[in-house]
Amino acid sequence: MAGNLHAYEDFSVGHEFPPYYYCVEAADNDAFIGTFDHEPVKHSNGIVVLDPEGNPSVRAAHPTLVGSFQPQHAAFSWPVGVLHAKEKVSLLATVYPGEALKAIVTIKDKYIKNDKRFVVLEITSQKQETGKVALVVERTLVWPH
């Protein structure tokens, strides 16, 4: 189904799209966190966390990048006019830049409210190495037709 333009009627609750494999590269993570002020990772005593070579510790991949729209776009296409209504993100494990991830996009729900069509996706990203679920995104979209 990837690449196909979907109408509201095309979605079935419980449908699971094929897995999407991806990772958040260190350069992308650094560029993203460079768009806002942040400090180095620190211990509770305020001292900067250093690795064995004395460099600042590796910063985790930002959850916004881990839960990006990449898996959703890989699963299917949508028509012009789709709106992002709301999102719930559950971060369950730290993801580090370069870690191999597998995402599954599932149609969790669809409903009509106030003459608007809603599609609720559940996007589960897990670490390929361990199979541990790292992030779950529940994303509600308003579908134009």
Protein backbone atom coordinates (compact mmCIF):
# COMPACT_ATOMS: atom_id res chain seq x y z
CA MET A 1 0.00 0.00 0.00
CA ALA A 2 2.97 2.35 0.42
CA GLY A 3 2.88 5.19 -2.05
CA ASN A 4 -0.87 4.79 -2.67
CA LEU A 5 -3.09 7.78 -2.04
CA HIS A 6 -5.66 6.81 0.59
CA ALA A 7 -9.20 8.02 1.07
CA TYR A 8 -10.85 7.75 4.48
CA GLU A 9 -12.84 4.69 3.36
CA ASP A 10 -9.60 2.84 2.52
CA PHE A 11 -8.63 2.51 6.19
CA SER A 12 -9.63 -0.49 8.30
CA VAL A 13 -9.20 -0.44 12.06
CA GLY A 14 -6.51 -2.93 13.03
CA HIS A 15 -4.72 -2.83 9.67
CA GLU A 16 -0.95 -3.02 10.11
CA PHE A 17 1.32 -1.69 7.38
CA PRO A 18 4.62 -3.44 6.55
CA PRO A 19 7.54 -2.54 8.86
CA TYR A 20 9.67 0.50 8.11
CA TYR A 21 13.36 0.39 9.02
CA TYR A 22 15.22 3.60 9.87
CA CYS A 23 17.61 5.33 12.24
CA VAL A 24 18.25 8.84 13.48
CA GLU A 25 21.73 9.77 12.30
CA ALA A 26 24.04 11.69 14.67
CA ALA A 27 24.40 14.61 12.24
CA ASP A 28 20.61 14.95 11.95
CA ASN A 29 20.20 14.78 15.72
CA ASP A 30 22.93 17.39 16.26
CA ALA A 31 21.36 19.69 13.65
CA PHE A 32 17.94 19.34 15.26
CA ILE A 33 19.05 20.01 18.82
CA GLY A 34 21.13 22.90 17.51
CA THR A 35 17.89 24.72 16.68
CA PHE A 36 17.21 25.44 20.35
CA ASP A 37 19.21 26.25 23.47
CA HIS A 38 20.37 23.25 25.48
CA GLU A 39 23.13 22.33 27.89
CA PRO A 40 25.44 19.32 28.00
CA VAL A 41 24.17 16.21 29.81
CA LYS A 42 24.93 16.62 33.52
CA HIS A 43 24.99 14.44 36.63
CA SER A 44 22.56 15.35 39.41
CA ASN A 45 25.47 17.20 41.06
CA GLY A 46 25.73 19.53 38.04
CA ILE A 47 28.99 18.11 36.62
CA VAL A 48 29.02 17.41 32.85
CA VAL A 49 28.89 13.70 32.04
CA LEU A 50 32.04 12.65 30.17
CA ASP A 51 32.88 9.46 28.31
CA PRO A 52 36.10 7.51 29.07
CA GLU A 53 38.07 9.76 26.67
CA GLY A 54 36.92 12.91 28.46
CA ASN A 55 34.41 14.00 25.80
CA PRO A 56 30.86 15.06 26.63
CA SER A 57 28.57 12.02 26.64
CA VAL A 58 26.53 11.08 23.60
CA ARG A 59 23.20 12.84 23.65
CA ALA A 60 20.19 10.61 23.05
CA ALA A 61 18.27 10.96 19.81
CA HIS A 62 15.54 13.55 20.30
CA PRO A 63 12.09 11.89 20.63
CA THR A 64 10.69 14.25 17.98
CA LEU A 65 13.07 12.70 15.46
CA VAL A 66 12.46 9.13 16.63
CA GLY A 67 8.69 9.67 16.33
CA SER A 68 8.93 11.56 13.06
CA PHE A 69 6.55 11.22 10.14
CA GLN A 70 9.02 8.98 8.21
CA PRO A 71 7.36 5.64 9.04
CA GLN A 72 3.92 7.08 8.32
CA HIS A 73 5.00 8.50 4.95
CA ALA A 74 6.61 5.17 4.06
CA ALA A 75 3.37 3.29 4.84
CA PHE A 76 0.98 5.35 2.73
CA SER A 77 0.32 8.67 1.01
CA TRP A 78 -2.45 11.05 1.87
CA PRO A 79 -4.40 13.67 -0.04
CA VAL A 80 -3.92 17.41 0.24
CA GLY A 81 -5.84 18.76 3.20
CA VAL A 82 -4.97 16.19 5.87
CA LEU A 83 -4.55 17.95 9.22
CA HIS A 84 -2.57 16.85 12.25
CA ALA A 85 -5.16 17.07 15.05
CA LYS A 86 -3.35 15.70 18.10
CA GLU A 87 -0.54 13.45 19.20
CA LYS A 88 0.38 11.42 22.26
CA VAL A 89 3.99 10.23 22.60
CA SER A 90 5.15 7.56 25.05
CA LEU A 91 8.94 7.33 25.35
CA LEU A 92 9.77 3.90 26.77
CA ALA A 93 13.51 3.56 26.10
CA THR A 94 16.38 5.83 25.15
CA VAL A 95 17.34 5.79 21.48
CA TYR A 96 20.88 6.79 20.55
CA PRO A 97 21.93 8.24 17.20
CA GLY A 98 22.66 5.52 14.66
CA GLU A 99 20.58 2.84 16.41
CA ALA A 100 18.63 0.65 13.99
CA LEU A 101 14.88 0.99 14.50
CA LYS A 102 11.82 -0.77 13.14
CA ALA A 103 8.49 1.03 13.05
CA ILE A 104 5.05 -0.49 12.63
CA VAL A 105 2.14 1.77 11.65
CA THR A 106 -1.29 0.47 12.66
CA ILE A 107 -4.74 1.96 12.13
CA LYS A 108 -5.88 2.20 15.74
CA ASP A 109 -9.24 3.86 15.13
CA LYS A 110 -11.29 5.90 12.71
CA TYR A 111 -14.43 7.87 13.45
CA ILE A 112 -16.58 10.79 12.38
CA LYS A 113 -17.21 13.65 14.80
CA ASN A 114 -18.90 16.96 13.94
CA ASP A 115 -18.92 15.92 10.27
CA LYS A 116 -15.12 15.54 10.30
CA ARG A 117 -13.34 12.28 9.50
CA PHE A 118 -10.60 11.22 11.91
CA VAL A 119 -7.96 8.52 11.46
CA VAL A 120 -5.97 7.47 14.53
CA LEU A 121 -2.58 5.86 13.89
CA GLU A 122 -0.39 4.02 16.34
CA ILE A 123 3.27 4.07 15.38
CA THR A 124 5.45 1.73 17.42
CA SER A 125 9.23 2.11 17.07
CA GLN A 126 11.41 -0.62 18.48
CA LYS A 127 15.14 -1.20 18.66
CA GLN A 128 16.16 -3.83 16.12
CA GLU A 129 19.05 -5.11 18.21
CA THR A 130 16.99 -5.93 21.30
CA GLY A 131 13.38 -5.78 20.10
CA LYS A 132 12.60 -3.38 22.97
CA VAL A 133 9.86 -0.87 22.21
CA ALA A 134 11.41 2.58 22.41
CA LEU A 135 8.57 4.91 21.44
CA VAL A 136 4.86 4.72 20.76
CA VAL A 137 3.09 7.58 18.99
CA GLU A 138 -0.67 7.87 18.80
CA ARG A 139 -1.32 10.38 16.02
CA THR A 140 -4.80 11.65 15.14
CA LEU A 141 -5.32 13.05 11.67
CA VAL A 142 -8.33 14.83 10.17
CA TRP A 143 -9.03 13.35 6.72
CA PRO A 144 -10.51 15.64 4.05
CA HIS A 145 -12.44 12.94 2.13
